[in-house]
């Protein structure tokens, strides 16, 4: 069950990421905004949403921080109690000080800073399981939902929770302005005064096509 503002699209196989499919939809289909793409792989939670900005790119890209906050809040709402969930300036999400995943933001390559982009795509990934990663001692800096005691097969519940928290953040943006939404989201940043990069640097492994273990 998703908020009415979103249309779910579940990928049929594991050969494509939600981020890539959402970007492709955004480039090709003017009706794509509101689509929430959910990936098919079982070793990660993989989701992406197509957004329709109304402000110039320089301001509109701050919605990436709203997306990150929604991801943190989704994780926190399903997590065991008393475990901190925080972000760094690279968009990496840490659960109890171990890397769990992160978020990225994409927009049209040719869009200048002072123009309204045709679309934005926020995507997030979380490590669901590290069973295929070998000895846990080889990946001590990361963790997984499975290791941290999340319910099995919680991906759909996390996607639904993410959508609801994102809608709340976007509503705050619409009612009180982007600054209010950003102030709310920055509460999750470990160092709130550093420039935010949402290109996946630090947490996304392009060779694996998923979160860095």
N, C-alpha and C. Protein backbone atom coordinates (compact mmCIF):
# COMPACT_ATOMS: atom_id res chain seq x y z
N UNK A 1 0.85 -1.19 0.00
CA UNK A 1 0.00 0.00 0.00
C UNK A 1 0.89 1.24 0.00
N UNK A 2 0.74 2.08 -1.02
CA UNK A 2 1.53 3.30 -1.13
C UNK A 2 0.62 4.52 -1.03
N UNK A 3 1.17 5.65 -0.62
CA UNK A 3 0.37 6.88 -0.65
C UNK A 3 -0.15 7.13 -2.06
N UNK A 4 -1.31 7.77 -2.19
CA UNK A 4 -1.91 7.98 -3.53
C UNK A 4 -1.01 8.72 -4.50
N UNK A 5 -0.05 9.48 -3.99
CA UNK A 5 0.82 10.25 -4.89
C UNK A 5 1.77 9.38 -5.67
N UNK A 6 1.93 8.11 -5.30
CA UNK A 6 2.94 7.26 -5.92
C UNK A 6 2.31 6.09 -6.67
N UNK A 7 2.96 5.70 -7.77
CA UNK A 7 2.56 4.52 -8.53
C UNK A 7 3.71 3.51 -8.46
N UNK A 8 3.47 2.32 -7.95
CA UNK A 8 4.55 1.35 -7.81
C UNK A 8 4.88 0.67 -9.13
N UNK A 9 6.17 0.40 -9.32
CA UNK A 9 6.63 -0.38 -10.46
C UNK A 9 7.70 -1.33 -9.95
N UNK A 10 7.39 -2.62 -9.93
CA UNK A 10 8.34 -3.61 -9.47
C UNK A 10 9.09 -4.19 -10.67
N UNK A 11 10.42 -4.15 -10.59
CA UNK A 11 11.21 -4.69 -11.69
C UNK A 11 11.06 -6.20 -11.75
N UNK A 12 11.00 -6.77 -12.96
CA UNK A 12 10.74 -8.20 -13.10
C UNK A 12 11.95 -9.08 -12.83
N UNK A 13 13.16 -8.53 -12.93
CA UNK A 13 14.35 -9.35 -12.71
C UNK A 13 15.44 -8.52 -12.07
N UNK A 14 16.53 -9.19 -11.71
CA UNK A 14 17.59 -8.54 -10.95
C UNK A 14 18.65 -7.89 -11.82
N UNK A 15 18.44 -7.83 -13.12
CA UNK A 15 19.48 -7.33 -14.01
C UNK A 15 19.54 -5.82 -14.13
N UNK A 16 18.64 -5.09 -13.49
CA UNK A 16 18.59 -3.64 -13.62
C UNK A 16 18.32 -3.03 -12.25
N UNK A 17 18.96 -1.89 -11.97
CA UNK A 17 18.70 -1.23 -10.69
C UNK A 17 17.48 -0.33 -10.81
N UNK A 18 16.87 -0.06 -9.67
CA UNK A 18 15.73 0.86 -9.65
C UNK A 18 16.15 2.25 -10.12
N UNK A 19 17.36 2.66 -9.76
CA UNK A 19 17.87 3.97 -10.17
C UNK A 19 17.92 4.09 -11.69
N UNK A 20 18.49 3.07 -12.34
CA UNK A 20 18.62 3.12 -13.79
C UNK A 20 17.27 3.10 -14.49
N UNK A 21 16.35 2.27 -13.99
CA UNK A 21 15.03 2.22 -14.61
C UNK A 21 14.28 3.54 -14.41
N UNK A 22 14.36 4.12 -13.22
CA UNK A 22 13.66 5.38 -12.97
C UNK A 22 14.20 6.50 -13.85
N UNK A 23 15.52 6.54 -14.01
CA UNK A 23 16.11 7.57 -14.88
C UNK A 23 15.67 7.38 -16.33
N UNK A 24 15.63 6.13 -16.78
CA UNK A 24 15.19 5.85 -18.14
C UNK A 24 13.73 6.27 -18.34
N UNK A 25 12.89 5.97 -17.36
CA UNK A 25 11.49 6.37 -17.44
C UNK A 25 11.36 7.89 -17.47
N UNK A 26 12.14 8.56 -16.63
CA UNK A 26 12.06 10.02 -16.55
C UNK A 26 12.44 10.67 -17.88
N UNK A 27 13.45 10.11 -18.55
CA UNK A 27 13.90 10.68 -19.83
C UNK A 27 12.87 10.45 -20.93
N UNK A 28 12.13 9.34 -20.85
CA UNK A 28 11.29 8.93 -21.97
C UNK A 28 9.81 9.24 -21.81
N UNK A 29 9.36 9.46 -20.58
CA UNK A 29 7.92 9.52 -20.33
C UNK A 29 7.58 10.72 -19.46
N UNK A 30 6.85 11.65 -20.01
CA UNK A 30 6.45 12.82 -19.25
C UNK A 30 5.49 12.52 -18.12
N UNK A 31 4.92 11.32 -18.12
CA UNK A 31 4.00 10.91 -17.07
C UNK A 31 4.71 10.13 -15.96
N UNK A 32 6.03 10.05 -16.02
CA UNK A 32 6.78 9.24 -15.06
C UNK A 32 6.77 9.77 -13.63
N UNK A 33 6.72 11.10 -13.40
CA UNK A 33 6.75 11.58 -12.01
C UNK A 33 5.70 10.91 -11.14
N UNK A 34 6.13 10.52 -9.95
CA UNK A 34 5.27 9.80 -9.03
C UNK A 34 5.49 8.30 -9.08
N UNK A 35 6.28 7.82 -10.04
CA UNK A 35 6.56 6.40 -10.12
C UNK A 35 7.60 6.01 -9.08
N UNK A 36 7.29 5.01 -8.29
CA UNK A 36 8.23 4.46 -7.30
C UNK A 36 8.66 3.09 -7.80
N UNK A 37 9.92 3.00 -8.20
CA UNK A 37 10.45 1.76 -8.75
C UNK A 37 11.09 0.95 -7.63
N UNK A 38 10.77 -0.33 -7.58
CA UNK A 38 11.31 -1.23 -6.56
C UNK A 38 12.07 -2.35 -7.26
N UNK A 39 13.33 -2.56 -6.87
CA UNK A 39 14.16 -3.57 -7.50
C UNK A 39 13.79 -4.98 -7.11
N UNK A 40 14.37 -5.95 -7.84
CA UNK A 40 13.99 -7.35 -7.68
C UNK A 40 14.97 -8.16 -6.84
N UNK A 41 16.17 -7.66 -6.58
CA UNK A 41 17.17 -8.46 -5.88
C UNK A 41 16.80 -8.64 -4.41
N UNK A 42 17.12 -9.84 -3.89
CA UNK A 42 16.78 -10.15 -2.50
C UNK A 42 17.89 -9.78 -1.52
N UNK A 43 19.09 -9.48 -2.03
CA UNK A 43 20.19 -9.15 -1.12
C UNK A 43 20.27 -7.66 -0.82
N UNK A 44 19.33 -6.89 -1.34
CA UNK A 44 19.31 -5.45 -1.09
C UNK A 44 17.88 -4.92 -1.21
N UNK A 45 17.62 -3.83 -0.53
CA UNK A 45 16.41 -3.05 -0.76
C UNK A 45 16.79 -1.96 -1.73
N UNK A 46 16.12 -1.92 -2.86
CA UNK A 46 16.50 -1.05 -3.97
C UNK A 46 15.27 -0.32 -4.44
N UNK A 47 15.26 1.01 -4.31
CA UNK A 47 14.08 1.79 -4.70
C UNK A 47 14.50 3.14 -5.27
N UNK A 48 13.63 3.68 -6.11
CA UNK A 48 13.88 4.98 -6.72
C UNK A 48 12.54 5.63 -7.05
N UNK A 49 12.50 6.96 -6.95
CA UNK A 49 11.26 7.67 -7.23
C UNK A 49 11.55 8.81 -8.20
N UNK A 50 10.64 8.98 -9.17
CA UNK A 50 10.75 10.06 -10.15
C UNK A 50 9.95 11.25 -9.62
N UNK A 51 10.62 12.43 -9.61
CA UNK A 51 10.00 13.64 -9.08
C UNK A 51 9.90 14.70 -10.17
N UNK A 52 8.95 15.61 -10.02
CA UNK A 52 8.75 16.71 -10.98
C UNK A 52 9.02 18.02 -10.27
N UNK A 53 10.24 18.54 -10.34
CA UNK A 53 10.58 19.77 -9.62
C UNK A 53 9.90 20.99 -10.23
N UNK A 54 9.74 22.02 -9.40
CA UNK A 54 9.14 23.27 -9.84
C UNK A 54 10.07 24.45 -9.61
N UNK A 55 11.31 24.18 -9.20
CA UNK A 55 12.28 25.23 -8.90
C UNK A 55 13.54 24.99 -9.71
N UNK A 56 14.39 25.99 -9.87
CA UNK A 56 15.66 25.79 -10.56
C UNK A 56 16.50 24.71 -9.88
N UNK A 57 17.35 24.09 -10.67
CA UNK A 57 18.14 22.97 -10.18
C UNK A 57 18.91 23.31 -8.91
N UNK A 58 19.47 24.51 -8.82
CA UNK A 58 20.28 24.90 -7.67
C UNK A 58 19.51 24.74 -6.37
N UNK A 59 18.21 25.00 -6.42
CA UNK A 59 17.37 24.84 -5.23
C UNK A 59 16.70 23.47 -5.18
N UNK A 60 16.25 23.01 -6.33
CA UNK A 60 15.48 21.77 -6.39
C UNK A 60 16.29 20.56 -5.93
N UNK A 61 17.61 20.57 -6.15
CA UNK A 61 18.40 19.39 -5.79
C UNK A 61 18.42 19.15 -4.28
N UNK A 62 17.98 20.14 -3.50
CA UNK A 62 17.92 19.93 -2.06
C UNK A 62 16.89 18.88 -1.67
N UNK A 63 16.03 18.52 -2.62
CA UNK A 63 15.07 17.46 -2.34
C UNK A 63 15.78 16.13 -2.10
N UNK A 64 17.03 16.02 -2.55
CA UNK A 64 17.80 14.81 -2.26
C UNK A 64 17.97 14.59 -0.78
N UNK A 65 18.13 15.67 -0.03
CA UNK A 65 18.24 15.56 1.41
C UNK A 65 16.92 15.12 2.03
N UNK A 66 15.81 15.58 1.46
CA UNK A 66 14.50 15.13 1.91
C UNK A 66 14.34 13.63 1.67
N UNK A 67 14.82 13.17 0.51
CA UNK A 67 14.78 11.74 0.22
C UNK A 67 15.62 10.93 1.19
N UNK A 68 16.81 11.43 1.52
CA UNK A 68 17.66 10.74 2.48
C UNK A 68 17.00 10.66 3.85
N UNK A 69 16.37 11.76 4.27
CA UNK A 69 15.68 11.75 5.56
C UNK A 69 14.56 10.71 5.56
N UNK A 70 13.84 10.61 4.45
CA UNK A 70 12.77 9.61 4.37
C UNK A 70 13.34 8.20 4.47
N UNK A 71 14.52 7.98 3.87
CA UNK A 71 15.15 6.67 3.96
C UNK A 71 15.56 6.36 5.40
N UNK A 72 16.15 7.34 6.06
CA UNK A 72 16.53 7.17 7.47
C UNK A 72 15.30 6.88 8.33
N UNK A 73 14.24 7.63 8.11
CA UNK A 73 13.03 7.46 8.93
C UNK A 73 12.37 6.11 8.66
N UNK A 74 12.43 5.64 7.41
CA UNK A 74 11.89 4.32 7.12
C UNK A 74 12.67 3.24 7.86
N UNK A 75 14.00 3.34 7.82
CA UNK A 75 14.83 2.37 8.53
C UNK A 75 14.56 2.46 10.03
N UNK A 76 14.53 3.68 10.57
CA UNK A 76 14.32 3.85 11.99
C UNK A 76 12.98 3.33 12.48
N UNK A 77 11.96 3.42 11.64
CA UNK A 77 10.63 2.98 12.07
C UNK A 77 10.51 1.47 12.14
N UNK A 78 11.42 0.75 11.50
CA UNK A 78 11.38 -0.72 11.51
C UNK A 78 12.55 -1.32 12.28
N UNK A 79 13.43 -0.48 12.79
CA UNK A 79 14.65 -0.98 13.42
C UNK A 79 14.41 -1.40 14.86
N UNK A 80 15.26 -2.29 15.35
CA UNK A 80 15.26 -2.53 16.80
C UNK A 80 15.55 -1.23 17.53
N UNK A 81 15.07 -1.07 18.75
CA UNK A 81 15.22 0.21 19.46
C UNK A 81 16.66 0.52 19.84
N UNK A 82 16.92 1.80 20.05
CA UNK A 82 18.19 2.29 20.60
C UNK A 82 19.38 2.05 19.69
N UNK A 83 19.16 2.01 18.38
CA UNK A 83 20.25 1.91 17.43
C UNK A 83 20.24 3.19 16.57
N UNK A 84 21.32 3.99 16.59
CA UNK A 84 21.32 5.25 15.84
C UNK A 84 21.39 5.02 14.33
N UNK A 85 20.64 5.84 13.59
CA UNK A 85 20.67 5.83 12.13
C UNK A 85 21.05 7.24 11.70
N UNK A 86 22.21 7.39 11.04
CA UNK A 86 22.69 8.72 10.67
C UNK A 86 23.20 8.71 9.23
N UNK A 87 23.47 9.92 8.72
CA UNK A 87 23.96 10.12 7.36
C UNK A 87 25.28 10.86 7.40
N UNK A 88 26.10 10.66 6.35
CA UNK A 88 27.24 11.54 6.17
C UNK A 88 27.01 12.42 4.94
N UNK A 89 27.96 13.31 4.67
CA UNK A 89 27.78 14.28 3.59
C UNK A 89 27.81 13.64 2.20
N UNK A 90 28.23 12.39 2.11
CA UNK A 90 28.21 11.68 0.84
C UNK A 90 26.93 10.93 0.59
N UNK A 91 25.96 11.07 1.50
CA UNK A 91 24.70 10.36 1.34
C UNK A 91 24.74 8.93 1.82
N UNK A 92 25.79 8.55 2.57
CA UNK A 92 25.88 7.20 3.12
C UNK A 92 25.03 7.10 4.38
N UNK A 93 24.29 6.01 4.49
CA UNK A 93 23.45 5.76 5.66
C UNK A 93 24.16 4.75 6.56
N UNK A 94 24.33 5.13 7.82
CA UNK A 94 24.99 4.27 8.81
C UNK A 94 23.97 3.81 9.84
N UNK A 95 24.00 2.51 10.12
CA UNK A 95 23.14 1.95 11.16
C UNK A 95 24.05 1.46 12.29
N UNK A 96 23.89 2.06 13.45
CA UNK A 96 24.74 1.73 14.60
C UNK A 96 26.22 1.79 14.21
N UNK A 97 26.57 2.85 13.45
CA UNK A 97 27.93 3.20 13.04
C UNK A 97 28.51 2.27 11.96
N UNK A 98 27.71 1.39 11.41
CA UNK A 98 28.16 0.55 10.29
C UNK A 98 27.39 0.94 9.03
N UNK A 99 28.07 0.90 7.89
CA UNK A 99 27.46 1.33 6.62
C UNK A 99 26.37 0.34 6.20
N UNK A 100 25.17 0.87 5.96
CA UNK A 100 24.03 0.04 5.56
C UNK A 100 23.58 0.33 4.14
N UNK A 101 23.94 1.47 3.60
CA UNK A 101 23.51 1.83 2.24
C UNK A 101 23.64 3.32 2.03
N UNK A 102 22.71 3.88 1.26
CA UNK A 102 22.78 5.31 1.00
C UNK A 102 21.81 5.74 -0.07
N UNK A 103 21.94 7.01 -0.48
CA UNK A 103 21.04 7.57 -1.48
C UNK A 103 21.78 8.35 -2.55
N UNK A 104 21.14 8.47 -3.72
CA UNK A 104 21.69 9.22 -4.85
C UNK A 104 20.61 10.10 -5.44
N UNK A 105 21.04 11.14 -6.14
CA UNK A 105 20.11 12.02 -6.85
C UNK A 105 20.61 12.23 -8.26
N UNK A 106 19.71 12.14 -9.23
CA UNK A 106 20.05 12.34 -10.65
C UNK A 106 19.12 13.37 -11.26
N UNK A 107 19.61 14.04 -12.32
CA UNK A 107 18.84 15.03 -13.06
C UNK A 107 19.37 15.07 -14.49
N UNK A 108 18.70 15.73 -15.42
CA UNK A 108 19.17 15.77 -16.82
C UNK A 108 20.58 16.37 -16.90
N UNK A 109 21.44 15.72 -17.66
CA UNK A 109 22.84 16.13 -17.74
C UNK A 109 23.02 17.57 -18.19
N UNK A 110 22.21 18.02 -19.12
CA UNK A 110 22.42 19.34 -19.73
C UNK A 110 21.71 20.46 -18.99
N UNK A 111 21.10 20.19 -17.87
CA UNK A 111 20.31 21.21 -17.18
C UNK A 111 21.23 22.19 -16.44
N UNK A 112 21.16 23.49 -16.75
CA UNK A 112 21.96 24.47 -16.02
C UNK A 112 21.38 24.72 -14.63
N UNK A 113 22.19 25.30 -13.77
CA UNK A 113 21.80 25.51 -12.37
C UNK A 113 20.58 26.43 -12.25
N UNK A 114 20.40 27.36 -13.18
CA UNK A 114 19.31 28.33 -13.03
C UNK A 114 18.06 27.93 -13.80
N UNK A 115 18.03 26.70 -14.34
CA UNK A 115 16.86 26.23 -15.08
C UNK A 115 16.13 25.16 -14.26
N UNK A 116 14.82 25.07 -14.49
CA UNK A 116 14.03 24.03 -13.82
C UNK A 116 14.24 22.70 -14.55
N UNK A 117 14.76 21.69 -13.88
CA UNK A 117 14.99 20.41 -14.57
C UNK A 117 13.67 19.73 -14.91
N UNK A 118 13.67 18.98 -16.00
CA UNK A 118 12.46 18.26 -16.41
C UNK A 118 12.09 17.18 -15.40
N UNK A 119 13.08 16.67 -14.69
CA UNK A 119 12.84 15.60 -13.72
C UNK A 119 14.00 15.51 -12.74
N UNK A 120 13.73 14.87 -11.63
CA UNK A 120 14.74 14.46 -10.67
C UNK A 120 14.44 13.02 -10.29
N UNK A 121 15.46 12.26 -10.00
CA UNK A 121 15.28 10.90 -9.50
C UNK A 121 16.08 10.75 -8.21
N UNK A 122 15.38 10.44 -7.14
CA UNK A 122 16.07 10.07 -5.90
C UNK A 122 16.00 8.56 -5.76
N UNK A 123 17.14 7.95 -5.45
CA UNK A 123 17.16 6.51 -5.26
C UNK A 123 17.91 6.16 -3.99
N UNK A 124 17.53 5.06 -3.39
CA UNK A 124 18.18 4.58 -2.19
C UNK A 124 18.37 3.08 -2.24
N UNK A 125 19.44 2.63 -1.61
CA UNK A 125 19.70 1.20 -1.49
C UNK A 125 20.12 0.88 -0.06
N UNK A 126 19.71 -0.29 0.40
CA UNK A 126 20.11 -0.81 1.70
C UNK A 126 20.58 -2.24 1.53
N UNK A 127 21.59 -2.63 2.28
CA UNK A 127 22.06 -4.01 2.24
C UNK A 127 21.09 -4.87 3.04
N UNK A 128 20.41 -5.78 2.38
CA UNK A 128 19.46 -6.66 3.06
C UNK A 128 20.16 -7.87 3.67
N UNK A 129 21.13 -8.41 2.95
CA UNK A 129 21.84 -9.61 3.42
C UNK A 129 23.25 -9.61 2.87
N UNK A 130 24.19 -10.15 3.67
CA UNK A 130 25.58 -10.29 3.21
C UNK A 130 25.97 -11.77 3.16
N UNK A 131 24.99 -12.65 3.01
CA UNK A 131 25.28 -14.08 3.01
C UNK A 131 26.25 -14.49 1.92
N UNK A 132 26.19 -13.78 0.78
CA UNK A 132 27.05 -14.16 -0.34
C UNK A 132 28.38 -13.40 -0.33
N UNK A 133 28.65 -12.66 0.73
CA UNK A 133 29.87 -11.85 0.79
C UNK A 133 31.03 -12.57 1.46
N UNK A 134 30.80 -13.81 1.90
CA UNK A 134 31.88 -14.56 2.54
C UNK A 134 31.99 -14.25 4.02
N UNK A 135 33.17 -14.42 4.55
CA UNK A 135 33.44 -14.22 5.97
C UNK A 135 33.11 -12.78 6.37
N UNK A 136 32.23 -12.58 7.40
CA UNK A 136 31.89 -11.21 7.83
C UNK A 136 33.12 -10.40 8.24
N UNK A 137 34.19 -11.08 8.63
CA UNK A 137 35.40 -10.36 9.00
C UNK A 137 36.03 -9.63 7.84
N UNK A 138 35.67 -10.00 6.60
CA UNK A 138 36.22 -9.33 5.42
C UNK A 138 35.48 -8.03 5.11
N UNK A 139 34.32 -7.82 5.70
CA UNK A 139 33.53 -6.60 5.44
C UNK A 139 33.09 -5.99 6.78
N UNK A 140 34.05 -5.62 7.62
CA UNK A 140 33.69 -5.17 8.98
C UNK A 140 33.03 -3.81 9.05
N UNK A 141 33.14 -3.02 7.97
CA UNK A 141 32.62 -1.65 8.02
C UNK A 141 31.16 -1.55 7.62
N UNK A 142 30.59 -2.65 7.15
CA UNK A 142 29.19 -2.62 6.71
C UNK A 142 28.37 -3.61 7.52
N UNK A 143 27.06 -3.43 7.45
CA UNK A 143 26.15 -4.34 8.10
C UNK A 143 24.97 -4.60 7.16
N UNK A 144 24.01 -5.37 7.61
CA UNK A 144 22.84 -5.67 6.78
C UNK A 144 21.59 -5.67 7.64
N UNK A 145 20.46 -5.56 6.99
CA UNK A 145 19.19 -5.63 7.72
C UNK A 145 19.07 -6.96 8.44
N UNK A 146 19.51 -8.02 7.78
CA UNK A 146 19.45 -9.35 8.38
C UNK A 146 20.27 -9.43 9.65
N UNK A 147 21.50 -8.92 9.61
CA UNK A 147 22.37 -8.96 10.77
C UNK A 147 21.83 -8.13 11.93
N UNK A 148 21.10 -7.07 11.61
CA UNK A 148 20.64 -6.15 12.64
C UNK A 148 19.28 -6.51 13.20
N UNK A 149 18.73 -7.64 12.81
CA UNK A 149 17.50 -8.11 13.41
C UNK A 149 16.22 -7.56 12.83
N UNK A 150 16.29 -7.01 11.60
CA UNK A 150 15.07 -6.58 10.94
C UNK A 150 14.24 -7.80 10.56
N UNK A 151 12.92 -7.64 10.47
CA UNK A 151 12.09 -8.77 10.08
C UNK A 151 12.49 -9.30 8.70
N UNK A 152 12.42 -10.61 8.48
CA UNK A 152 12.70 -11.15 7.14
C UNK A 152 11.73 -10.56 6.11
N UNK A 153 12.24 -10.42 4.89
CA UNK A 153 11.39 -9.93 3.80
C UNK A 153 10.70 -8.60 4.14
N UNK A 154 11.49 -7.68 4.71
CA UNK A 154 10.91 -6.40 5.11
C UNK A 154 11.03 -5.35 4.01
N UNK A 155 11.49 -5.74 2.83
CA UNK A 155 11.72 -4.77 1.76
C UNK A 155 10.48 -3.99 1.38
N UNK A 156 9.35 -4.67 1.22
CA UNK A 156 8.13 -3.98 0.82
C UNK A 156 7.67 -3.01 1.91
N UNK A 157 7.80 -3.43 3.16
CA UNK A 157 7.40 -2.56 4.27
C UNK A 157 8.29 -1.32 4.32
N UNK A 158 9.58 -1.49 4.04
CA UNK A 158 10.48 -0.34 4.03
C UNK A 158 10.17 0.59 2.87
N UNK A 159 9.84 0.03 1.71
CA UNK A 159 9.48 0.86 0.55
C UNK A 159 8.22 1.67 0.83
N UNK A 160 7.23 1.03 1.45
CA UNK A 160 6.00 1.74 1.79
C UNK A 160 6.29 2.84 2.80
N UNK A 161 7.09 2.52 3.82
CA UNK A 161 7.43 3.51 4.83
C UNK A 161 8.22 4.67 4.23
N UNK A 162 9.16 4.36 3.34
CA UNK A 162 9.92 5.41 2.67
C UNK A 162 8.99 6.34 1.91
N UNK A 163 8.03 5.78 1.18
CA UNK A 163 7.10 6.60 0.39
C UNK A 163 6.30 7.54 1.28
N UNK A 164 5.86 7.04 2.42
CA UNK A 164 5.06 7.87 3.32
C UNK A 164 5.90 8.98 3.95
N UNK A 165 7.13 8.65 4.35
CA UNK A 165 7.99 9.68 4.93
C UNK A 165 8.41 10.70 3.87
N UNK A 166 8.65 10.25 2.65
CA UNK A 166 8.99 11.18 1.58
C UNK A 166 7.83 12.13 1.31
N UNK A 167 6.62 11.60 1.27
CA UNK A 167 5.45 12.45 1.04
C UNK A 167 5.31 13.48 2.15
N UNK A 168 5.61 13.08 3.36
CA UNK A 168 5.54 14.03 4.48
C UNK A 168 6.58 15.13 4.31
N UNK A 169 7.79 14.74 3.89
CA UNK A 169 8.84 15.73 3.67
C UNK A 169 8.50 16.67 2.53
N UNK A 170 7.93 16.16 1.46
CA UNK A 170 7.54 16.99 0.33
C UNK A 170 6.38 17.92 0.71
N UNK A 171 5.50 17.44 1.57
CA UNK A 171 4.40 18.29 2.04
C UNK A 171 4.93 19.45 2.88
N UNK A 172 5.93 19.16 3.72
CA UNK A 172 6.57 20.21 4.50
C UNK A 172 7.21 21.24 3.58
N UNK A 173 7.86 20.75 2.52
CA UNK A 173 8.48 21.64 1.52
C UNK A 173 7.42 22.54 0.89
N UNK A 174 6.27 21.94 0.50
CA UNK A 174 5.22 22.70 -0.18
C UNK A 174 4.56 23.72 0.76
N UNK A 175 4.40 23.35 2.03
CA UNK A 175 3.67 24.22 2.95
C UNK A 175 4.55 25.30 3.57
N UNK A 176 5.77 24.94 3.95
CA UNK A 176 6.63 25.87 4.69
C UNK A 176 7.89 26.26 3.95
N UNK A 177 8.06 25.74 2.73
CA UNK A 177 9.22 26.10 1.93
C UNK A 177 10.35 25.09 2.06
N UNK A 178 11.27 25.10 1.10
CA UNK A 178 12.35 24.12 1.10
C UNK A 178 13.27 24.23 2.31
N UNK A 179 13.43 25.44 2.84
CA UNK A 179 14.33 25.59 3.99
C UNK A 179 13.84 24.78 5.18
N UNK A 180 12.53 24.77 5.41
CA UNK A 180 11.97 24.02 6.54
C UNK A 180 12.19 22.53 6.35
N UNK A 181 12.01 22.05 5.13
CA UNK A 181 12.22 20.63 4.86
C UNK A 181 13.69 20.26 5.03
N UNK A 182 14.57 21.13 4.61
CA UNK A 182 16.01 20.86 4.71
C UNK A 182 16.45 20.87 6.17
N UNK A 183 15.95 21.83 6.96
CA UNK A 183 16.29 21.87 8.38
C UNK A 183 15.88 20.57 9.06
N UNK A 184 14.69 20.09 8.75
CA UNK A 184 14.22 18.81 9.31
C UNK A 184 15.15 17.67 8.91
N UNK A 185 15.52 17.63 7.66
CA UNK A 185 16.34 16.52 7.16
C UNK A 185 17.77 16.57 7.70
N UNK A 186 18.31 17.78 7.85
CA UNK A 186 19.70 17.90 8.30
C UNK A 186 19.91 17.41 9.72
N UNK A 187 18.84 17.21 10.46
CA UNK A 187 18.98 16.67 11.81
C UNK A 187 19.60 15.28 11.81
N UNK A 188 19.55 14.60 10.66
CA UNK A 188 20.11 13.25 10.58
C UNK A 188 21.55 13.23 10.09
N UNK A 189 22.07 14.39 9.72
CA UNK A 189 23.43 14.44 9.21
C UNK A 189 24.43 14.47 10.36
N UNK A 190 25.46 13.62 10.24
CA UNK A 190 26.48 13.58 11.29
C UNK A 190 27.21 14.91 11.39
N UNK A 191 27.50 15.52 10.24
CA UNK A 191 28.13 16.84 10.20
C UNK A 191 27.27 17.72 9.31
N UNK A 192 26.41 18.52 9.91
CA UNK A 192 25.37 19.21 9.15
C UNK A 192 25.89 20.38 8.33
N UNK A 193 27.13 20.83 8.60
CA UNK A 193 27.60 22.02 7.89
C UNK A 193 28.44 21.70 6.66
N UNK A 194 28.60 20.41 6.32
CA UNK A 194 29.39 20.06 5.15
C UNK A 194 28.51 20.00 3.91
N UNK A 195 29.04 20.39 2.73
CA UNK A 195 28.26 20.29 1.49
C UNK A 195 27.85 18.84 1.22
N UNK A 196 26.62 18.66 0.81
CA UNK A 196 26.10 17.32 0.58
C UNK A 196 26.38 16.87 -0.85
N UNK A 197 26.94 15.67 -1.01
CA UNK A 197 27.15 15.07 -2.33
C UNK A 197 26.23 13.85 -2.43
N UNK A 198 25.46 13.81 -3.49
CA UNK A 198 24.55 12.67 -3.66
C UNK A 198 24.84 11.95 -4.97
N UNK A 199 26.12 11.63 -5.17
CA UNK A 199 26.52 10.90 -6.38
C UNK A 199 26.86 9.44 -6.08
N UNK A 200 26.65 9.02 -4.84
CA UNK A 200 26.95 7.64 -4.47
C UNK A 200 28.37 7.41 -4.02
N UNK A 201 29.24 8.42 -4.13
CA UNK A 201 30.62 8.28 -3.70
C UNK A 201 30.65 7.93 -2.21
N UNK A 202 31.36 6.88 -1.88
CA UNK A 202 31.47 6.48 -0.48
C UNK A 202 30.66 5.27 -0.12
N UNK A 203 29.54 5.05 -0.80
CA UNK A 203 28.73 3.88 -0.43
C UNK A 203 28.35 3.00 -1.61
N UNK A 204 28.32 3.55 -2.82
CA UNK A 204 27.87 2.77 -3.97
C UNK A 204 29.06 2.20 -4.72
N UNK A 205 28.99 0.91 -4.99
CA UNK A 205 30.05 0.21 -5.73
C UNK A 205 29.57 -0.03 -7.17
N UNK A 206 30.07 0.72 -8.16
CA UNK A 206 29.57 0.56 -9.53
C UNK A 206 29.89 -0.81 -10.12
N UNK A 207 30.90 -1.49 -9.62
CA UNK A 207 31.20 -2.82 -10.13
C UNK A 207 30.16 -3.82 -9.66
N UNK A 208 29.79 -3.74 -8.40
CA UNK A 208 28.74 -4.62 -7.86
C UNK A 208 27.35 -4.16 -8.32
N UNK A 209 27.23 -2.87 -8.62
CA UNK A 209 25.92 -2.32 -8.93
C UNK A 209 25.06 -2.21 -7.70
N UNK A 210 25.71 -2.07 -6.54
CA UNK A 210 24.96 -1.99 -5.30
C UNK A 210 25.79 -1.41 -4.18
N UNK A 211 25.29 -1.44 -2.96
CA UNK A 211 26.04 -0.86 -1.83
C UNK A 211 27.38 -1.53 -1.64
N UNK A 212 28.37 -0.72 -1.33
CA UNK A 212 29.71 -1.24 -1.07
C UNK A 212 29.72 -2.03 0.23
N UNK A 213 30.26 -3.23 0.16
CA UNK A 213 30.35 -4.06 1.34
C UNK A 213 31.64 -3.80 2.09
